[in-house]
N, C-alpha and C. Protein backbone atom coordinates (compact mmCIF):
# COMPACT_ATOMS: atom_id res chain seq x y z
N UNK A 1 -33.71 -6.51 16.36
CA UNK A 1 -32.46 -6.83 15.69
C UNK A 1 -32.76 -7.38 14.31
N UNK A 2 -31.98 -6.97 13.33
CA UNK A 2 -32.18 -7.40 11.96
C UNK A 2 -31.71 -8.85 11.79
N UNK A 3 -32.48 -9.62 11.08
CA UNK A 3 -32.12 -11.01 10.79
C UNK A 3 -30.96 -11.02 9.80
N UNK A 4 -29.80 -11.60 10.16
CA UNK A 4 -28.65 -11.61 9.25
C UNK A 4 -28.96 -12.22 7.88
N UNK A 5 -29.88 -13.15 7.85
CA UNK A 5 -30.22 -13.80 6.57
C UNK A 5 -30.98 -12.87 5.64
N UNK A 6 -31.59 -11.84 6.19
CA UNK A 6 -32.36 -10.91 5.35
C UNK A 6 -31.80 -9.49 5.40
N UNK A 7 -30.53 -9.37 5.66
CA UNK A 7 -29.87 -8.07 5.75
C UNK A 7 -28.86 -7.96 4.61
N UNK A 8 -29.32 -7.56 3.42
CA UNK A 8 -28.42 -7.54 2.27
C UNK A 8 -27.25 -6.55 2.41
N UNK A 9 -27.46 -5.43 3.09
CA UNK A 9 -26.36 -4.48 3.25
C UNK A 9 -25.23 -5.11 4.05
N UNK A 10 -25.58 -5.74 5.17
CA UNK A 10 -24.57 -6.39 5.99
C UNK A 10 -23.92 -7.55 5.25
N UNK A 11 -24.70 -8.30 4.51
CA UNK A 11 -24.15 -9.41 3.73
C UNK A 11 -23.18 -8.91 2.68
N UNK A 12 -23.50 -7.79 2.05
CA UNK A 12 -22.60 -7.23 1.03
C UNK A 12 -21.30 -6.71 1.64
N UNK A 13 -21.37 -6.16 2.84
CA UNK A 13 -20.14 -5.74 3.53
C UNK A 13 -19.32 -6.97 3.88
N UNK A 14 -19.97 -8.02 4.35
CA UNK A 14 -19.24 -9.27 4.66
C UNK A 14 -18.58 -9.82 3.40
N UNK A 15 -19.30 -9.80 2.28
CA UNK A 15 -18.73 -10.29 1.02
C UNK A 15 -17.51 -9.45 0.62
N UNK A 16 -17.62 -8.13 0.76
CA UNK A 16 -16.52 -7.24 0.43
C UNK A 16 -15.32 -7.52 1.35
N UNK A 17 -15.59 -7.75 2.63
CA UNK A 17 -14.52 -8.07 3.58
C UNK A 17 -13.81 -9.36 3.18
N UNK A 18 -14.57 -10.34 2.70
CA UNK A 18 -13.94 -11.57 2.22
C UNK A 18 -13.06 -11.29 1.00
N UNK A 19 -13.53 -10.42 0.11
CA UNK A 19 -12.70 -10.06 -1.04
C UNK A 19 -11.42 -9.37 -0.58
N UNK A 20 -11.52 -8.44 0.38
CA UNK A 20 -10.32 -7.77 0.87
C UNK A 20 -9.38 -8.76 1.57
N UNK A 21 -9.93 -9.84 2.09
CA UNK A 21 -9.11 -10.88 2.71
C UNK A 21 -8.15 -11.54 1.73
N UNK A 22 -8.46 -11.47 0.45
CA UNK A 22 -7.57 -12.01 -0.57
C UNK A 22 -6.21 -11.32 -0.51
N UNK A 23 -6.20 -10.05 -0.12
CA UNK A 23 -4.95 -9.29 -0.05
C UNK A 23 -3.97 -9.90 0.96
N UNK A 24 -4.48 -10.64 1.95
CA UNK A 24 -3.60 -11.30 2.91
C UNK A 24 -2.87 -12.48 2.28
N UNK A 25 -3.44 -13.06 1.24
CA UNK A 25 -2.84 -14.23 0.59
C UNK A 25 -2.12 -13.87 -0.70
N UNK A 26 -2.35 -12.68 -1.22
CA UNK A 26 -1.78 -12.27 -2.50
C UNK A 26 -0.37 -11.72 -2.28
N UNK A 27 0.60 -12.37 -2.87
CA UNK A 27 2.00 -11.99 -2.70
C UNK A 27 2.38 -10.88 -3.67
N UNK A 28 3.31 -10.04 -3.26
CA UNK A 28 3.82 -8.97 -4.12
C UNK A 28 4.75 -9.61 -5.14
N UNK A 29 4.28 -9.72 -6.36
CA UNK A 29 4.89 -10.57 -7.39
C UNK A 29 6.25 -10.10 -7.88
N UNK A 30 6.51 -8.81 -7.88
CA UNK A 30 7.78 -8.31 -8.40
C UNK A 30 8.99 -8.88 -7.68
N UNK A 31 8.83 -9.18 -6.41
CA UNK A 31 9.96 -9.69 -5.63
C UNK A 31 10.40 -11.08 -6.08
N UNK A 32 9.50 -11.84 -6.70
CA UNK A 32 9.91 -13.15 -7.21
C UNK A 32 11.02 -13.00 -8.25
N UNK A 33 10.98 -11.92 -9.01
CA UNK A 33 12.02 -11.68 -10.02
C UNK A 33 13.38 -11.42 -9.37
N UNK A 34 13.37 -10.99 -8.12
CA UNK A 34 14.62 -10.75 -7.39
C UNK A 34 15.05 -11.98 -6.60
N UNK A 35 14.31 -13.08 -6.75
CA UNK A 35 14.67 -14.32 -6.08
C UNK A 35 14.07 -14.50 -4.70
N UNK A 36 13.15 -13.63 -4.30
CA UNK A 36 12.50 -13.77 -3.00
C UNK A 36 11.39 -14.82 -3.16
N UNK A 37 11.55 -15.95 -2.50
CA UNK A 37 10.62 -17.06 -2.66
C UNK A 37 9.27 -16.83 -1.98
N UNK A 38 9.27 -16.13 -0.87
CA UNK A 38 8.04 -15.90 -0.12
C UNK A 38 7.92 -14.42 0.23
N UNK A 39 7.62 -13.59 -0.77
CA UNK A 39 7.55 -12.15 -0.49
C UNK A 39 6.34 -11.79 0.36
N UNK A 40 6.36 -10.59 0.89
CA UNK A 40 5.26 -10.12 1.72
C UNK A 40 3.97 -10.07 0.90
N UNK A 41 2.86 -10.11 1.60
CA UNK A 41 1.56 -10.01 0.94
C UNK A 41 1.23 -8.55 0.67
N UNK A 42 0.23 -8.34 -0.17
CA UNK A 42 -0.24 -6.98 -0.44
C UNK A 42 -0.78 -6.37 0.85
N UNK A 43 -1.43 -7.16 1.69
CA UNK A 43 -1.96 -6.64 2.96
C UNK A 43 -0.83 -6.22 3.89
N UNK A 44 0.23 -7.00 3.95
CA UNK A 44 1.37 -6.63 4.79
C UNK A 44 2.00 -5.34 4.29
N UNK A 45 2.14 -5.22 2.99
CA UNK A 45 2.66 -3.99 2.39
C UNK A 45 1.75 -2.81 2.74
N UNK A 46 0.46 -3.00 2.58
CA UNK A 46 -0.50 -1.90 2.80
C UNK A 46 -0.51 -1.45 4.25
N UNK A 47 -0.32 -2.36 5.20
CA UNK A 47 -0.28 -1.97 6.60
C UNK A 47 0.87 -1.00 6.85
N UNK A 48 2.06 -1.35 6.38
CA UNK A 48 3.20 -0.46 6.63
C UNK A 48 3.08 0.83 5.82
N UNK A 49 2.47 0.77 4.64
CA UNK A 49 2.21 2.00 3.89
C UNK A 49 1.33 2.93 4.73
N UNK A 50 0.26 2.40 5.31
CA UNK A 50 -0.64 3.23 6.11
C UNK A 50 0.09 3.81 7.32
N UNK A 51 0.91 3.00 7.97
CA UNK A 51 1.66 3.49 9.13
C UNK A 51 2.63 4.60 8.73
N UNK A 52 3.37 4.37 7.66
CA UNK A 52 4.32 5.38 7.18
C UNK A 52 3.60 6.64 6.71
N UNK A 53 2.46 6.48 6.04
CA UNK A 53 1.70 7.63 5.55
C UNK A 53 1.31 8.54 6.72
N UNK A 54 0.89 7.94 7.83
CA UNK A 54 0.51 8.73 9.00
C UNK A 54 1.72 9.49 9.55
N UNK A 55 2.86 8.82 9.62
CA UNK A 55 4.05 9.48 10.17
C UNK A 55 4.54 10.60 9.26
N UNK A 56 4.56 10.33 7.96
CA UNK A 56 4.99 11.36 7.00
C UNK A 56 4.04 12.55 7.06
N UNK A 57 2.74 12.26 7.07
CA UNK A 57 1.74 13.33 7.10
C UNK A 57 1.89 14.19 8.36
N UNK A 58 2.14 13.55 9.49
CA UNK A 58 2.31 14.31 10.74
C UNK A 58 3.46 15.30 10.61
N UNK A 59 4.55 14.88 10.00
CA UNK A 59 5.72 15.75 9.85
C UNK A 59 5.55 16.78 8.74
N UNK A 60 4.72 16.48 7.78
CA UNK A 60 4.49 17.41 6.65
C UNK A 60 3.35 18.38 6.91
N UNK A 61 2.68 18.26 8.05
CA UNK A 61 1.57 19.16 8.37
C UNK A 61 0.25 18.75 7.75
N UNK A 62 0.13 17.50 7.37
CA UNK A 62 -1.11 16.98 6.79
C UNK A 62 -1.86 16.18 7.86
N UNK A 63 -3.02 15.66 7.51
CA UNK A 63 -3.84 14.87 8.43
C UNK A 63 -3.34 13.43 8.44
N UNK A 64 -2.71 12.97 9.52
CA UNK A 64 -2.17 11.62 9.56
C UNK A 64 -3.24 10.53 9.36
N UNK A 65 -4.41 10.73 9.96
CA UNK A 65 -5.46 9.72 9.83
C UNK A 65 -5.93 9.58 8.38
N UNK A 66 -6.08 10.70 7.71
CA UNK A 66 -6.52 10.66 6.31
C UNK A 66 -5.44 10.02 5.43
N UNK A 67 -4.20 10.38 5.64
CA UNK A 67 -3.11 9.80 4.85
C UNK A 67 -3.04 8.29 5.06
N UNK A 68 -3.17 7.85 6.31
CA UNK A 68 -3.17 6.41 6.60
C UNK A 68 -4.34 5.72 5.92
N UNK A 69 -5.50 6.37 5.95
CA UNK A 69 -6.69 5.80 5.31
C UNK A 69 -6.47 5.62 3.81
N UNK A 70 -5.87 6.59 3.17
CA UNK A 70 -5.58 6.47 1.74
C UNK A 70 -4.60 5.33 1.50
N UNK A 71 -3.62 5.20 2.37
CA UNK A 71 -2.66 4.11 2.24
C UNK A 71 -3.30 2.73 2.38
N UNK A 72 -4.31 2.63 3.21
CA UNK A 72 -4.99 1.34 3.38
C UNK A 72 -5.66 0.87 2.09
N UNK A 73 -6.15 1.80 1.29
CA UNK A 73 -6.93 1.45 0.10
C UNK A 73 -6.11 1.49 -1.18
N UNK A 74 -4.85 1.90 -1.14
CA UNK A 74 -4.11 2.18 -2.37
C UNK A 74 -3.92 0.97 -3.29
N UNK A 75 -3.87 -0.22 -2.74
CA UNK A 75 -3.70 -1.43 -3.56
C UNK A 75 -4.88 -2.40 -3.46
N UNK A 76 -6.01 -1.94 -2.96
CA UNK A 76 -7.15 -2.83 -2.75
C UNK A 76 -7.69 -3.42 -4.05
N UNK A 77 -7.41 -2.79 -5.16
CA UNK A 77 -7.88 -3.27 -6.47
C UNK A 77 -7.19 -4.57 -6.87
N UNK A 78 -6.09 -4.90 -6.23
CA UNK A 78 -5.32 -6.07 -6.61
C UNK A 78 -6.05 -7.38 -6.31
N UNK A 79 -7.16 -7.33 -5.56
CA UNK A 79 -7.96 -8.54 -5.41
C UNK A 79 -8.52 -8.98 -6.76
N UNK A 80 -8.70 -8.02 -7.66
CA UNK A 80 -9.27 -8.31 -8.98
C UNK A 80 -8.23 -8.46 -10.07
N UNK A 81 -7.11 -7.74 -9.97
CA UNK A 81 -6.13 -7.77 -11.06
C UNK A 81 -4.79 -8.36 -10.63
N UNK A 82 -4.63 -8.72 -9.38
CA UNK A 82 -3.40 -9.21 -8.76
C UNK A 82 -2.35 -8.12 -8.74
N UNK A 83 -1.20 -8.47 -8.19
CA UNK A 83 -0.06 -7.55 -8.15
C UNK A 83 0.75 -7.79 -9.42
N UNK A 84 0.72 -6.86 -10.31
CA UNK A 84 1.37 -7.01 -11.61
C UNK A 84 2.76 -6.39 -11.54
N UNK A 85 3.82 -7.18 -11.77
CA UNK A 85 5.17 -6.60 -11.73
C UNK A 85 5.35 -5.53 -12.81
N UNK A 86 6.23 -4.60 -12.54
CA UNK A 86 6.49 -3.51 -13.50
C UNK A 86 6.95 -4.04 -14.85
N UNK A 87 7.66 -5.16 -14.85
CA UNK A 87 8.15 -5.71 -16.12
C UNK A 87 7.02 -6.23 -17.00
N UNK A 88 5.86 -6.53 -16.42
CA UNK A 88 4.71 -7.03 -17.19
C UNK A 88 3.81 -5.91 -17.70
N UNK A 89 3.87 -4.76 -17.07
CA UNK A 89 2.93 -3.68 -17.38
C UNK A 89 2.96 -3.19 -18.82
N UNK A 90 4.13 -3.14 -19.49
CA UNK A 90 4.11 -2.69 -20.89
C UNK A 90 3.31 -3.60 -21.82
N UNK A 91 3.07 -4.83 -21.39
CA UNK A 91 2.38 -5.81 -22.22
C UNK A 91 0.88 -5.88 -21.93
N UNK A 92 0.46 -5.16 -20.91
CA UNK A 92 -0.93 -5.21 -20.49
C UNK A 92 -1.55 -3.82 -20.56
N UNK A 93 -2.85 -3.77 -20.73
CA UNK A 93 -3.54 -2.49 -20.66
C UNK A 93 -3.54 -2.01 -19.22
N UNK A 94 -3.44 -0.71 -19.02
CA UNK A 94 -3.45 -0.13 -17.69
C UNK A 94 -4.86 -0.19 -17.11
N UNK A 95 -5.00 -0.95 -16.05
CA UNK A 95 -6.28 -1.03 -15.37
C UNK A 95 -6.48 0.25 -14.57
N UNK A 96 -7.64 0.84 -14.65
CA UNK A 96 -7.95 2.06 -13.93
C UNK A 96 -8.42 1.70 -12.53
N UNK A 97 -7.65 2.10 -11.52
CA UNK A 97 -7.98 1.73 -10.14
C UNK A 97 -9.33 2.28 -9.69
N UNK A 98 -9.70 3.44 -10.17
CA UNK A 98 -10.99 4.00 -9.78
C UNK A 98 -12.15 3.18 -10.35
N UNK A 99 -12.01 2.69 -11.57
CA UNK A 99 -13.04 1.84 -12.18
C UNK A 99 -13.13 0.51 -11.44
N UNK A 100 -12.00 -0.07 -11.14
CA UNK A 100 -12.00 -1.35 -10.40
C UNK A 100 -12.66 -1.15 -9.04
N UNK A 101 -12.32 -0.08 -8.37
CA UNK A 101 -12.90 0.19 -7.05
C UNK A 101 -14.42 0.34 -7.15
N UNK A 102 -14.89 1.07 -8.15
CA UNK A 102 -16.36 1.22 -8.31
C UNK A 102 -17.02 -0.14 -8.48
N UNK A 103 -16.40 -1.03 -9.24
CA UNK A 103 -16.95 -2.38 -9.40
C UNK A 103 -16.92 -3.15 -8.07
N UNK A 104 -15.83 -3.00 -7.33
CA UNK A 104 -15.70 -3.70 -6.06
C UNK A 104 -16.76 -3.29 -5.04
N UNK A 105 -17.09 -2.01 -5.01
CA UNK A 105 -18.00 -1.51 -3.97
C UNK A 105 -19.44 -1.37 -4.48
N UNK A 106 -19.71 -1.86 -5.64
CA UNK A 106 -21.03 -1.67 -6.26
C UNK A 106 -22.18 -2.16 -5.39
N UNK A 107 -21.95 -3.15 -4.56
CA UNK A 107 -23.04 -3.70 -3.76
C UNK A 107 -22.98 -3.26 -2.30
N UNK A 108 -22.04 -2.41 -1.97
CA UNK A 108 -21.96 -1.91 -0.60
C UNK A 108 -23.04 -0.87 -0.34
N UNK A 109 -23.39 -0.67 0.92
CA UNK A 109 -24.29 0.45 1.25
C UNK A 109 -23.65 1.76 0.78
N UNK A 110 -24.46 2.74 0.52
CA UNK A 110 -24.01 3.99 -0.10
C UNK A 110 -22.86 4.67 0.64
N UNK A 111 -22.98 4.84 1.94
CA UNK A 111 -21.94 5.55 2.69
C UNK A 111 -20.63 4.77 2.67
N UNK A 112 -20.70 3.46 2.80
CA UNK A 112 -19.49 2.63 2.78
C UNK A 112 -18.83 2.70 1.41
N UNK A 113 -19.61 2.58 0.36
CA UNK A 113 -19.06 2.65 -0.99
C UNK A 113 -18.42 4.01 -1.25
N UNK A 114 -19.08 5.06 -0.79
CA UNK A 114 -18.57 6.41 -1.02
C UNK A 114 -17.23 6.63 -0.34
N UNK A 115 -17.07 6.15 0.88
CA UNK A 115 -15.81 6.39 1.58
C UNK A 115 -14.64 5.71 0.88
N UNK A 116 -14.86 4.52 0.32
CA UNK A 116 -13.78 3.82 -0.38
C UNK A 116 -13.49 4.48 -1.72
N UNK A 117 -14.54 4.78 -2.50
CA UNK A 117 -14.30 5.38 -3.82
C UNK A 117 -13.65 6.75 -3.69
N UNK A 118 -14.05 7.52 -2.70
CA UNK A 118 -13.43 8.84 -2.51
C UNK A 118 -11.97 8.71 -2.10
N UNK A 119 -11.66 7.74 -1.26
CA UNK A 119 -10.26 7.54 -0.84
C UNK A 119 -9.39 7.15 -2.03
N UNK A 120 -9.88 6.23 -2.85
CA UNK A 120 -9.10 5.80 -4.01
C UNK A 120 -8.94 6.95 -5.01
N UNK A 121 -10.01 7.69 -5.24
CA UNK A 121 -9.92 8.83 -6.17
C UNK A 121 -8.93 9.87 -5.67
N UNK A 122 -8.96 10.16 -4.38
CA UNK A 122 -8.03 11.14 -3.82
C UNK A 122 -6.59 10.64 -3.95
N UNK A 123 -6.36 9.38 -3.63
CA UNK A 123 -5.01 8.81 -3.75
C UNK A 123 -4.52 8.89 -5.19
N UNK A 124 -5.37 8.49 -6.13
CA UNK A 124 -4.97 8.46 -7.54
C UNK A 124 -4.71 9.87 -8.09
N UNK A 125 -5.48 10.86 -7.64
CA UNK A 125 -5.31 12.23 -8.15
C UNK A 125 -4.04 12.88 -7.61
N UNK A 126 -3.61 12.50 -6.42
CA UNK A 126 -2.40 13.02 -5.79
C UNK A 126 -2.39 14.55 -5.68
N UNK A 127 -3.57 15.13 -5.49
CA UNK A 127 -3.66 16.59 -5.40
C UNK A 127 -3.59 17.09 -3.96
N UNK A 128 -3.97 16.25 -3.00
CA UNK A 128 -3.92 16.67 -1.60
C UNK A 128 -2.57 16.27 -1.00
N UNK A 129 -2.19 16.97 0.05
CA UNK A 129 -0.95 16.64 0.73
C UNK A 129 -1.04 15.23 1.33
N UNK A 130 -2.22 14.86 1.79
CA UNK A 130 -2.41 13.51 2.35
C UNK A 130 -2.15 12.45 1.30
N UNK A 131 -2.63 12.67 0.08
CA UNK A 131 -2.41 11.71 -1.00
C UNK A 131 -0.94 11.65 -1.37
N UNK A 132 -0.27 12.79 -1.38
CA UNK A 132 1.16 12.81 -1.68
C UNK A 132 1.95 12.06 -0.60
N UNK A 133 1.55 12.23 0.65
CA UNK A 133 2.20 11.51 1.75
C UNK A 133 1.96 10.01 1.62
N UNK A 134 0.74 9.61 1.26
CA UNK A 134 0.44 8.18 1.08
C UNK A 134 1.23 7.60 -0.09
N UNK A 135 1.34 8.34 -1.17
CA UNK A 135 2.12 7.86 -2.32
C UNK A 135 3.58 7.72 -1.94
N UNK A 136 4.12 8.69 -1.23
CA UNK A 136 5.50 8.59 -0.77
C UNK A 136 5.67 7.42 0.20
N UNK A 137 4.67 7.17 1.02
CA UNK A 137 4.73 6.03 1.93
C UNK A 137 4.80 4.72 1.14
N UNK A 138 4.09 4.64 0.04
CA UNK A 138 4.14 3.45 -0.82
C UNK A 138 5.56 3.26 -1.35
N UNK A 139 6.17 4.33 -1.83
CA UNK A 139 7.54 4.26 -2.34
C UNK A 139 8.52 3.93 -1.22
N UNK A 140 8.36 4.58 -0.08
CA UNK A 140 9.25 4.37 1.05
C UNK A 140 9.14 2.93 1.57
N UNK A 141 7.93 2.41 1.63
CA UNK A 141 7.75 1.04 2.09
C UNK A 141 8.46 0.06 1.17
N UNK A 142 8.38 0.28 -0.12
CA UNK A 142 9.07 -0.57 -1.09
C UNK A 142 10.58 -0.49 -0.89
N UNK A 143 11.09 0.71 -0.67
CA UNK A 143 12.52 0.88 -0.43
C UNK A 143 12.94 0.14 0.84
N UNK A 144 12.18 0.29 1.91
CA UNK A 144 12.50 -0.40 3.16
C UNK A 144 12.46 -1.91 2.98
N UNK A 145 11.45 -2.39 2.26
CA UNK A 145 11.33 -3.83 2.04
C UNK A 145 12.52 -4.34 1.23
N UNK A 146 12.94 -3.59 0.23
CA UNK A 146 14.09 -3.99 -0.57
C UNK A 146 15.35 -4.04 0.29
N UNK A 147 15.52 -3.07 1.18
CA UNK A 147 16.67 -3.09 2.08
C UNK A 147 16.63 -4.31 3.00
N UNK A 148 15.44 -4.65 3.47
CA UNK A 148 15.30 -5.83 4.33
C UNK A 148 15.59 -7.12 3.56
N UNK A 149 15.11 -7.20 2.32
CA UNK A 149 15.42 -8.38 1.51
C UNK A 149 16.91 -8.47 1.21
N UNK A 150 17.54 -7.33 0.94
CA UNK A 150 18.98 -7.33 0.69
C UNK A 150 19.74 -7.79 1.94
N UNK A 151 19.32 -7.32 3.10
CA UNK A 151 19.96 -7.73 4.35
C UNK A 151 19.79 -9.23 4.60
N UNK A 152 18.71 -9.81 4.04
CA UNK A 152 18.46 -11.25 4.18
C UNK A 152 19.19 -12.06 3.12
N UNK A 153 19.97 -11.38 2.27
CA UNK A 153 20.79 -12.09 1.30
C UNK A 153 20.35 -12.01 -0.15
N UNK A 154 19.27 -11.30 -0.43
CA UNK A 154 18.81 -11.16 -1.81
C UNK A 154 19.59 -10.02 -2.48
N UNK A 155 20.32 -10.36 -3.52
CA UNK A 155 21.26 -9.42 -4.12
C UNK A 155 20.66 -8.55 -5.23
N UNK A 156 19.54 -8.94 -5.79
CA UNK A 156 19.03 -8.27 -7.00
C UNK A 156 17.88 -7.30 -6.70
N UNK A 157 18.04 -6.47 -5.70
CA UNK A 157 16.97 -5.56 -5.30
C UNK A 157 17.30 -4.09 -5.53
N UNK A 158 18.47 -3.81 -6.06
CA UNK A 158 18.91 -2.42 -6.18
C UNK A 158 17.97 -1.58 -7.04
N UNK A 159 17.39 -2.17 -8.10
CA UNK A 159 16.51 -1.36 -8.94
C UNK A 159 15.26 -0.91 -8.17
N UNK A 160 14.80 -1.71 -7.21
CA UNK A 160 13.65 -1.30 -6.39
C UNK A 160 14.08 -0.17 -5.46
N UNK A 161 15.27 -0.28 -4.91
CA UNK A 161 15.78 0.77 -4.03
C UNK A 161 15.90 2.09 -4.81
N UNK A 162 16.54 2.03 -5.97
CA UNK A 162 16.77 3.24 -6.77
C UNK A 162 15.47 3.87 -7.26
N UNK A 163 14.57 3.07 -7.80
CA UNK A 163 13.32 3.64 -8.34
C UNK A 163 12.42 4.16 -7.23
N UNK A 164 12.41 3.48 -6.10
CA UNK A 164 11.60 3.96 -4.98
C UNK A 164 12.13 5.28 -4.45
N UNK A 165 13.44 5.38 -4.26
CA UNK A 165 14.02 6.63 -3.75
C UNK A 165 13.78 7.77 -4.73
N UNK A 166 13.90 7.49 -6.02
CA UNK A 166 13.70 8.53 -7.03
C UNK A 166 12.27 9.04 -7.07
N UNK A 167 11.31 8.22 -6.66
CA UNK A 167 9.90 8.60 -6.72
C UNK A 167 9.40 9.36 -5.51
N UNK A 168 10.19 9.49 -4.49
CA UNK A 168 9.76 10.17 -3.25
C UNK A 168 9.86 11.68 -3.42
N UNK A 169 8.79 12.37 -3.04
CA UNK A 169 8.73 13.82 -3.25
C UNK A 169 8.68 14.66 -1.99
N UNK A 170 8.04 14.17 -0.93
CA UNK A 170 7.93 15.00 0.26
C UNK A 170 9.26 15.03 1.01
N UNK A 171 9.50 16.12 1.67
CA UNK A 171 10.77 16.33 2.37
C UNK A 171 11.03 15.29 3.44
N UNK A 172 10.01 15.04 4.27
CA UNK A 172 10.24 14.11 5.38
C UNK A 172 10.43 12.68 4.88
N UNK A 173 9.66 12.25 3.90
CA UNK A 173 9.84 10.89 3.36
C UNK A 173 11.23 10.74 2.76
N UNK A 174 11.73 11.79 2.11
CA UNK A 174 13.08 11.75 1.54
C UNK A 174 14.12 11.62 2.64
N UNK A 175 13.91 12.33 3.74
CA UNK A 175 14.84 12.23 4.87
C UNK A 175 14.85 10.82 5.45
N UNK A 176 13.66 10.23 5.58
CA UNK A 176 13.56 8.87 6.11
C UNK A 176 14.24 7.88 5.16
N UNK A 177 14.00 8.04 3.88
CA UNK A 177 14.62 7.15 2.89
C UNK A 177 16.14 7.24 2.98
N UNK A 178 16.67 8.45 3.05
CA UNK A 178 18.12 8.63 3.12
C UNK A 178 18.68 8.04 4.41
N UNK A 179 17.95 8.20 5.50
CA UNK A 179 18.40 7.61 6.77
C UNK A 179 18.39 6.09 6.68
N UNK A 180 17.38 5.53 6.06
CA UNK A 180 17.30 4.07 5.90
C UNK A 180 18.45 3.57 5.03
N UNK A 181 18.74 4.30 3.98
CA UNK A 181 19.84 3.91 3.09
C UNK A 181 21.19 3.96 3.81
N UNK A 182 21.35 4.89 4.72
CA UNK A 182 22.61 5.04 5.44
C UNK A 182 22.70 4.15 6.67
N UNK A 183 21.57 3.61 7.11
CA UNK A 183 21.53 2.86 8.36
C UNK A 183 21.48 1.36 8.18
N UNK A 184 21.01 0.72 9.19
CA UNK A 184 20.89 -0.74 9.25
C UNK A 184 19.44 -1.12 9.46
N UNK A 185 19.03 -2.24 8.87
CA UNK A 185 17.65 -2.70 9.06
C UNK A 185 17.42 -3.20 10.48
N UNK A 186 18.47 -3.36 11.26
CA UNK A 186 18.34 -3.82 12.64
C UNK A 186 18.66 -2.73 13.67
N UNK A 187 18.82 -1.50 13.24
CA UNK A 187 19.15 -0.42 14.18
C UNK A 187 18.06 -0.27 15.24
N UNK A 188 16.83 -0.52 14.88
CA UNK A 188 15.73 -0.42 15.86
C UNK A 188 15.96 -1.36 17.03
N UNK A 189 16.53 -2.52 16.75
CA UNK A 189 16.76 -3.53 17.77
C UNK A 189 17.77 -3.03 18.80
N UNK A 190 18.77 -2.32 18.33
CA UNK A 190 19.79 -1.77 19.22
C UNK A 190 19.23 -0.68 20.12
N UNK A 191 18.13 -0.03 19.68
CA UNK A 191 17.51 1.04 20.46
C UNK A 191 16.52 0.49 21.47
N UNK A 192 16.08 -0.75 21.30
CA UNK A 192 15.06 -1.32 22.17
C UNK A 192 15.58 -1.47 23.60
N UNK A 193 14.73 -1.17 24.54
CA UNK A 193 15.08 -1.32 25.95
C UNK A 193 14.88 -2.78 26.35
N UNK A 194 15.79 -3.34 27.15
CA UNK A 194 15.63 -4.74 27.58
C UNK A 194 14.48 -4.91 28.53
């Protein structure tokens, strides 16, 4: 068995895991502008993005596991640059997610680094159906979150709803968005079996 104190590859993966843990504490900053005092974390957002990406991909004929994997990594760069609201972006230089990812994984073992950099590059290029499904999942998750915040009494979320819906491109994600817009955030509860 390898001595943990002298296993730099394992130590570097542990260090990277600690960095990714920041996503659990990092709040999605744009919602503060809408008056949400305790918005969801980037990790919470990314979990539902991955789940939605898999479902969208399954219906679109893409690989659900790959789409979910891309969704898991789509905002991982925010450990280094935080979640920057859209209103701040015109004042800042656009950080390149692929460059940030390369810096983040620089000390990982080769195979581990490659899987993350390839996932981020695929997501950013949006050339595969899986990447398109993951991107739509990101938009759809934002729309769903805005609807949930509105149902909780936050009135200033319409621009998130409108921009998210406008950005959705795949057929199934559009259908889900339209159903969510027409439905209730608690309809699932009514379907639950006692």
